[in-house]
Amino acid sequence: LLPPAQVQQQLAQQVQQVLEPDGSTARDFYTALCTPHTHSYEQHLNHHAFAVLRAYLAAVYLPRAPATPARRPDAPLLDAAVQYSLRVMDQARHSGNGGVSGSGGNGSNSSSGLDSINNEGAGAATAAHVEALRVLDAVVRAEPARAAALLPGVRRRAALLCANAGAGDGLVLLQYMQFFVDHSAAGALAADLAPLAQTL
């Protein structure tokens, strides 16, 4: 066993080696888009948890059988899902490859939306951005009352993306549009969709 001081030193070095997608030192909690010097078991678990989160929320809170009662929402879990997803959306927007929707992004054709997150893949940020929006969709479907609190933040992020959209941001823009179609109030829907449609 290492002396406590040496353990603390190694932990400090490990924290400093975790980077944001834009290359800056990570100053917030770890997500699937962070780039560590070496992946720990917990970080691999973090990637896997994000990849299966939407499917889990759907299975637990959105039963397909009409006679099956929906489980009461787990507020701490939904809070964590929202916080994590919003951070991923912000990271993806600042990522150098966030606007690339090449073969590395598989946000539209897989059951989880993220069969694998590889920070070296050109579409990783795009796939993560799309999946984060889908997780938020699952959260709102599990607890519709959350829509009012979530919509302002989603609108703000959509506006920022529209202001700096790249040629490959179509998948992400479409996912924002789908979120608004599903959860915006009827009177606000046209205003929510207009800038996205113009950007596309």
C-alpha atoms as a PDB file:
ATOM      1  CA  LEU A   1       0.000   0.000   0.000  1.00  0.00           C
ATOM      2  CA  LEU A   2       1.125   3.527  -0.780  1.00  0.00           C
ATOM      3  CA  PRO A   3       1.503   6.117   1.961  1.00  0.00           C
ATOM      4  CA  PRO A   4      -1.548   8.447   2.195  1.00  0.00           C
ATOM      5  CA  ALA A   5       0.449  11.452   1.001  1.00  0.00           C
ATOM      6  CA  GLN A   6       1.536   9.612  -2.138  1.00  0.00           C
ATOM      7  CA  VAL A   7      -2.006   8.438  -2.779  1.00  0.00           C
ATOM      8  CA  GLN A   8      -3.245  12.018  -2.548  1.00  0.00           C
ATOM      9  CA  GLN A   9      -0.510  13.155  -4.906  1.00  0.00           C
ATOM     10  CA  GLN A  10      -1.448  10.518  -7.467  1.00  0.00           C
ATOM     11  CA  LEU A  11      -5.123  11.408  -7.182  1.00  0.00           C
ATOM     12  CA  ALA A  12      -4.303  15.089  -7.734  1.00  0.00           C
ATOM     13  CA  GLN A  13      -2.261  14.208 -10.817  1.00  0.00           C
ATOM     14  CA  GLN A  14      -5.091  12.042 -12.124  1.00  0.00           C
ATOM     15  CA  VAL A  15      -7.574  14.900 -11.737  1.00  0.00           C
ATOM     16  CA  GLN A  16      -5.264  17.281 -13.569  1.00  0.00           C
ATOM     17  CA  GLN A  17      -4.951  14.831 -16.441  1.00  0.00           C
ATOM     18  CA  VAL A  18      -8.692  14.868 -17.199  1.00  0.00           C
ATOM     19  CA  LEU A  19      -9.422  17.268 -20.060  1.00  0.00           C
ATOM     20  CA  GLU A  20     -12.516  18.852 -21.549  1.00  0.00           C
ATOM     21  CA  PRO A  21     -13.237  18.195 -25.253  1.00  0.00           C
ATOM     22  CA  ASP A  22     -11.634  21.538 -26.156  1.00  0.00           C
ATOM     23  CA  GLY A  23      -8.384  20.533 -24.436  1.00  0.00           C
ATOM     24  CA  SER A  24      -8.772  22.635 -21.282  1.00  0.00           C
ATOM     25  CA  THR A  25      -8.460  21.093 -17.824  1.00  0.00           C
ATOM     26  CA  ALA A  26     -11.746  19.662 -16.565  1.00  0.00           C
ATOM     27  CA  ARG A  27     -13.109  21.681 -13.649  1.00  0.00           C
ATOM     28  CA  ASP A  28     -16.486  19.983 -13.291  1.00  0.00           C
ATOM     29  CA  PHE A  29     -17.608  16.389 -12.857  1.00  0.00           C
ATOM     30  CA  TYR A  30     -16.435  13.714 -15.281  1.00  0.00           C
ATOM     31  CA  THR A  31     -18.598  12.826 -18.292  1.00  0.00           C
ATOM     32  CA  ALA A  32     -18.295  10.542 -21.279  1.00  0.00           C
ATOM     33  CA  LEU A  33     -16.812  13.422 -23.313  1.00  0.00           C
ATOM     34  CA  CYS A  34     -13.941  14.111 -20.918  1.00  0.00           C
ATOM     35  CA  THR A  35     -10.507  12.886 -21.936  1.00  0.00           C
ATOM     36  CA  PRO A  36      -8.475  11.319 -19.127  1.00  0.00           C
ATOM     37  CA  HIS A  37      -4.813  10.428 -19.421  1.00  0.00           C
ATOM     38  CA  THR A  38      -5.768   6.849 -18.581  1.00  0.00           C
ATOM     39  CA  HIS A  39      -9.292   5.514 -18.080  1.00  0.00           C
ATOM     40  CA  SER A  40     -10.115   4.192 -14.628  1.00  0.00           C
ATOM     41  CA  TYR A  41     -12.733   1.539 -13.946  1.00  0.00           C
ATOM     42  CA  GLU A  42     -15.113   4.243 -12.680  1.00  0.00           C
ATOM     43  CA  GLN A  43     -14.664   6.238 -15.878  1.00  0.00           C
ATOM     44  CA  HIS A  44     -15.396   3.213 -18.048  1.00  0.00           C
ATOM     45  CA  LEU A  45     -18.481   2.637 -15.907  1.00  0.00           C
ATOM     46  CA  ASN A  46     -19.438   6.293 -16.431  1.00  0.00           C
ATOM     47  CA  HIS A  47     -19.356   5.806 -20.217  1.00  0.00           C
ATOM     48  CA  HIS A  48     -21.457   2.656 -20.009  1.00  0.00           C
ATOM     49  CA  ALA A  49     -24.004   4.222 -17.660  1.00  0.00           C
ATOM     50  CA  PHE A  50     -24.591   7.136 -20.032  1.00  0.00           C
ATOM     51  CA  ALA A  51     -24.940   4.773 -22.982  1.00  0.00           C
ATOM     52  CA  VAL A  52     -27.707   2.765 -21.277  1.00  0.00           C
ATOM     53  CA  LEU A  53     -29.374   5.538 -19.246  1.00  0.00           C
ATOM     54  CA  ARG A  54     -32.126   6.370 -21.731  1.00  0.00           C
ATOM     55  CA  ALA A  55     -33.031   2.724 -22.224  1.00  0.00           C
ATOM     56  CA  TYR A  56     -33.155   2.245 -18.451  1.00  0.00           C
ATOM     57  CA  LEU A  57     -35.412   5.257 -17.920  1.00  0.00           C
ATOM     58  CA  ALA A  58     -37.743   4.064 -20.666  1.00  0.00           C
ATOM     59  CA  ALA A  59     -37.884   0.525 -19.302  1.00  0.00           C
ATOM     60  CA  VAL A  60     -38.519   1.606 -15.710  1.00  0.00           C
ATOM     61  CA  TYR A  61     -40.772   4.630 -16.110  1.00  0.00           C
ATOM     62  CA  LEU A  62     -42.444   4.133 -19.502  1.00  0.00           C
ATOM     63  CA  PRO A  63     -43.915   0.610 -19.485  1.00  0.00           C
ATOM     64  CA  ARG A  64     -45.232  -0.500 -22.863  1.00  0.00           C
ATOM     65  CA  ALA A  65     -47.975  -2.762 -21.573  1.00  0.00           C
ATOM     66  CA  PRO A  66     -51.094  -0.645 -20.868  1.00  0.00           C
ATOM     67  CA  ALA A  67     -51.948  -2.605 -17.719  1.00  0.00           C
ATOM     68  CA  THR A  68     -48.461  -2.204 -16.253  1.00  0.00           C
ATOM     69  CA  PRO A  69     -48.344   0.689 -13.768  1.00  0.00           C
ATOM     70  CA  ALA A  70     -45.506   3.160 -14.199  1.00  0.00           C
ATOM     71  CA  ARG A  71     -43.037   3.328 -11.346  1.00  0.00           C
ATOM     72  CA  ARG A  72     -42.946   6.519  -9.292  1.00  0.00           C
ATOM     73  CA  PRO A  73     -40.109   8.747 -10.575  1.00  0.00           C
ATOM     74  CA  ASP A  74     -36.869   8.603  -8.605  1.00  0.00           C
ATOM     75  CA  ALA A  75     -36.140  12.310  -8.145  1.00  0.00           C
ATOM     76  CA  PRO A  76     -32.387  11.989  -7.356  1.00  0.00           C
ATOM     77  CA  LEU A  77     -31.858   9.786 -10.415  1.00  0.00           C
ATOM     78  CA  LEU A  78     -33.744  12.153 -12.703  1.00  0.00           C
ATOM     79  CA  ASP A  79     -31.901  15.142 -11.226  1.00  0.00           C
ATOM     80  CA  ALA A  80     -28.561  13.461 -11.938  1.00  0.00           C
ATOM     81  CA  ALA A  81     -29.657  12.534 -15.475  1.00  0.00           C
ATOM     82  CA  VAL A  82     -30.614  16.155 -16.174  1.00  0.00           C
ATOM     83  CA  GLN A  83     -27.391  17.581 -14.729  1.00  0.00           C
ATOM     84  CA  TYR A  84     -25.230  15.088 -16.614  1.00  0.00           C
ATOM     85  CA  SER A  85     -27.066  15.600 -19.920  1.00  0.00           C
ATOM     86  CA  LEU A  86     -26.892  19.387 -19.782  1.00  0.00           C
ATOM     87  CA  ARG A  87     -23.158  19.224 -19.087  1.00  0.00           C
ATOM     88  CA  VAL A  88     -22.643  16.853 -22.024  1.00  0.00           C
ATOM     89  CA  MET A  89     -24.595  19.243 -24.267  1.00  0.00           C
ATOM     90  CA  ASP A  90     -22.377  22.144 -23.208  1.00  0.00           C
ATOM     91  CA  GLN A  91     -19.215  20.082 -23.687  1.00  0.00           C
ATOM     92  CA  ALA A  92     -20.306  18.898 -27.123  1.00  0.00           C
ATOM     93  CA  ARG A  93     -21.008  22.444 -28.247  1.00  0.00           C
ATOM     94  CA  HIS A  94     -17.487  23.504 -27.265  1.00  0.00           C
ATOM     95  CA  SER A  95     -15.869  20.436 -28.764  1.00  0.00           C
ATOM     96  CA  GLY A  96     -13.720  20.781 -31.821  1.00  0.00           C
ATOM     97  CA  ASN A  97     -15.517  17.839 -33.430  1.00  0.00           C
ATOM     98  CA  GLY A  98     -19.019  18.592 -32.136  1.00  0.00           C
ATOM     99  CA  GLY A  99     -20.276  19.481 -35.589  1.00  0.00           C
ATOM    100  CA  VAL A 100     -19.124  16.377 -37.404  1.00  0.00           C
ATOM    101  CA  SER A 101     -21.733  13.752 -38.103  1.00  0.00           C
ATOM    102  CA  GLY A 102     -19.646  11.141 -39.824  1.00  0.00           C
ATOM    103  CA  SER A 103     -19.487   7.402 -39.293  1.00  0.00           C
ATOM    104  CA  GLY A 104     -18.384   7.840 -35.696  1.00  0.00           C
ATOM    105  CA  GLY A 105     -21.756   9.339 -34.689  1.00  0.00           C
ATOM    106  CA  ASN A 106     -24.421   6.712 -34.248  1.00  0.00           C
ATOM    107  CA  GLY A 107     -27.056   8.676 -32.405  1.00  0.00           C
ATOM    108  CA  SER A 108     -29.916   7.722 -34.730  1.00  0.00           C
ATOM    109  CA  ASN A 109     -29.605   4.044 -35.512  1.00  0.00           C
ATOM    110  CA  SER A 110     -28.822   2.212 -32.286  1.00  0.00           C
ATOM    111  CA  SER A 111     -30.970   1.181 -29.357  1.00  0.00           C
ATOM    112  CA  SER A 112     -28.952   3.200 -26.874  1.00  0.00           C
ATOM    113  CA  GLY A 113     -27.959   6.027 -29.217  1.00  0.00           C
ATOM    114  CA  LEU A 114     -24.399   5.426 -28.071  1.00  0.00           C
ATOM    115  CA  ASP A 115     -23.139   1.912 -28.664  1.00  0.00           C
ATOM    116  CA  SER A 116     -19.703   3.294 -27.861  1.00  0.00           C
ATOM    117  CA  ILE A 117     -18.266   6.685 -27.021  1.00  0.00           C
ATOM    118  CA  ASN A 118     -14.788   7.150 -28.350  1.00  0.00           C
ATOM    119  CA  ASN A 119     -13.289  10.591 -27.816  1.00  0.00           C
ATOM    120  CA  GLU A 120     -11.006  10.023 -30.795  1.00  0.00           C
ATOM    121  CA  GLY A 121     -13.966   9.435 -33.138  1.00  0.00           C
ATOM    122  CA  ALA A 122     -15.030  12.375 -35.267  1.00  0.00           C
ATOM    123  CA  GLY A 123     -18.695  11.943 -34.363  1.00  0.00           C
ATOM    124  CA  ALA A 124     -18.356  11.354 -30.625  1.00  0.00           C
ATOM    125  CA  ALA A 125     -19.495  14.818 -29.583  1.00  0.00           C
ATOM    126  CA  THR A 126     -22.391  14.779 -32.050  1.00  0.00           C
ATOM    127  CA  ALA A 127     -23.541  11.363 -30.861  1.00  0.00           C
ATOM    128  CA  ALA A 128     -23.253  12.417 -27.216  1.00  0.00           C
ATOM    129  CA  HIS A 129     -25.156  15.663 -27.846  1.00  0.00           C
ATOM    130  CA  VAL A 130     -28.001  13.782 -29.523  1.00  0.00           C
ATOM    131  CA  GLU A 131     -28.085  11.153 -26.792  1.00  0.00           C
ATOM    132  CA  ALA A 132     -28.150  13.804 -24.053  1.00  0.00           C
ATOM    133  CA  LEU A 133     -31.233  15.361 -25.646  1.00  0.00           C
ATOM    134  CA  ARG A 134     -32.858  11.947 -25.829  1.00  0.00           C
ATOM    135  CA  VAL A 135     -32.131  11.350 -22.167  1.00  0.00           C
ATOM    136  CA  LEU A 136     -33.814  14.677 -21.346  1.00  0.00           C
ATOM    137  CA  ASP A 137     -36.777  13.571 -23.434  1.00  0.00           C
ATOM    138  CA  ALA A 138     -37.001  10.353 -21.399  1.00  0.00           C
ATOM    139  CA  VAL A 139     -36.771  12.356 -18.162  1.00  0.00           C
ATOM    140  CA  VAL A 140     -39.674  14.588 -19.182  1.00  0.00           C
ATOM    141  CA  ARG A 141     -41.737  11.601 -20.279  1.00  0.00           C
ATOM    142  CA  ALA A 142     -41.095   9.993 -16.906  1.00  0.00           C
ATOM    143  CA  GLU A 143     -42.032  13.185 -15.053  1.00  0.00           C
ATOM    144  CA  PRO A 144     -43.858  15.679 -17.333  1.00  0.00           C
ATOM    145  CA  ALA A 145     -43.806  18.402 -14.674  1.00  0.00           C
ATOM    146  CA  ARG A 146     -40.072  18.823 -15.342  1.00  0.00           C
ATOM    147  CA  ALA A 147     -40.681  20.223 -18.825  1.00  0.00           C
ATOM    148  CA  ALA A 148     -41.292  23.777 -17.644  1.00  0.00           C
ATOM    149  CA  ALA A 149     -37.997  23.882 -15.743  1.00  0.00           C
ATOM    150  CA  LEU A 150     -35.984  22.230 -18.529  1.00  0.00           C
ATOM    151  CA  LEU A 151     -37.251  24.129 -21.558  1.00  0.00           C
ATOM    152  CA  PRO A 152     -35.486  27.479 -20.866  1.00  0.00           C
ATOM    153  CA  GLY A 153     -32.095  25.770 -20.611  1.00  0.00           C
ATOM    154  CA  VAL A 154     -32.699  23.685 -23.722  1.00  0.00           C
ATOM    155  CA  ARG A 155     -33.841  26.797 -25.618  1.00  0.00           C
ATOM    156  CA  ARG A 156     -30.708  28.669 -24.556  1.00  0.00           C
ATOM    157  CA  ARG A 157     -28.454  25.852 -25.740  1.00  0.00           C
ATOM    158  CA  ALA A 158     -30.360  25.559 -29.014  1.00  0.00           C
ATOM    159  CA  ALA A 159     -29.902  29.290 -29.647  1.00  0.00           C
ATOM    160  CA  LEU A 160     -26.171  29.061 -28.962  1.00  0.00           C
ATOM    161  CA  LEU A 161     -25.875  26.131 -31.352  1.00  0.00           C
ATOM    162  CA  CYS A 162     -27.801  27.975 -34.069  1.00  0.00           C
ATOM    163  CA  ALA A 163     -25.480  30.954 -33.697  1.00  0.00           C
ATOM    164  CA  ASN A 164     -22.404  28.770 -34.279  1.00  0.00           C
ATOM    165  CA  ALA A 165     -23.738  25.802 -36.222  1.00  0.00           C
ATOM    166  CA  GLY A 166     -21.402  23.897 -38.529  1.00  0.00           C
ATOM    167  CA  ALA A 167     -22.130  21.988 -41.689  1.00  0.00           C
ATOM    168  CA  GLY A 168     -22.413  18.718 -39.794  1.00  0.00           C
ATOM    169  CA  ASP A 169     -24.750  19.827 -37.003  1.00  0.00           C
ATOM    170  CA  GLY A 170     -27.912  18.638 -38.758  1.00  0.00           C
ATOM    171  CA  LEU A 171     -28.457  15.611 -36.516  1.00  0.00           C
ATOM    172  CA  VAL A 172     -28.228  17.715 -33.378  1.00  0.00           C
ATOM    173  CA  LEU A 173     -30.499  20.448 -34.756  1.00  0.00           C
ATOM    174  CA  LEU A 174     -33.096  17.846 -35.704  1.00  0.00           C
ATOM    175  CA  GLN A 175     -32.964  16.364 -32.202  1.00  0.00           C
ATOM    176  CA  TYR A 176     -33.595  19.803 -30.694  1.00  0.00           C
ATOM    177  CA  MET A 177     -36.559  20.183 -33.039  1.00  0.00           C
ATOM    178  CA  GLN A 178     -37.920  16.797 -31.945  1.00  0.00           C
ATOM    179  CA  PHE A 179     -37.579  17.774 -28.290  1.00  0.00           C
ATOM    180  CA  PHE A 180     -39.532  20.982 -28.851  1.00  0.00           C
ATOM    181  CA  VAL A 181     -42.222  19.211 -30.894  1.00  0.00           C
ATOM    182  CA  ASP A 182     -42.703  16.752 -28.048  1.00  0.00           C
ATOM    183  CA  HIS A 183     -42.531  19.127 -25.096  1.00  0.00           C
ATOM    184  CA  SER A 184     -43.042  22.799 -26.029  1.00  0.00           C
ATOM    185  CA  ALA A 185     -46.395  24.400 -25.356  1.00  0.00           C
ATOM    186  CA  ALA A 186     -48.503  24.891 -28.478  1.00  0.00           C
ATOM    187  CA  GLY A 187     -48.131  28.662 -28.338  1.00  0.00           C
ATOM    188  CA  ALA A 188     -44.334  28.505 -28.132  1.00  0.00           C
ATOM    189  CA  LEU A 189     -43.672  25.730 -30.639  1.00  0.00           C
ATOM    190  CA  ALA A 190     -43.391  27.903 -33.749  1.00  0.00           C
ATOM    191  CA  ALA A 191     -40.931  30.251 -32.044  1.00  0.00           C
ATOM    192  CA  ASP A 192     -38.861  27.313 -30.811  1.00  0.00           C
ATOM    193  CA  LEU A 193     -38.672  25.663 -34.231  1.00  0.00           C
ATOM    194  CA  ALA A 194     -38.112  28.718 -36.444  1.00  0.00           C
ATOM    195  CA  PRO A 195     -34.390  29.387 -35.717  1.00  0.00           C
ATOM    196  CA  LEU A 196     -33.590  25.673 -35.945  1.00  0.00           C
ATOM    197  CA  ALA A 197     -35.356  25.341 -39.284  1.00  0.00           C
ATOM    198  CA  GLN A 198     -33.571  28.423 -40.637  1.00  0.00           C
ATOM    199  CA  THR A 199     -30.202  27.039 -39.535  1.00  0.00           C
ATOM    200  CA  LEU A 200     -30.872  23.712 -41.233  1.00  0.00           C
END
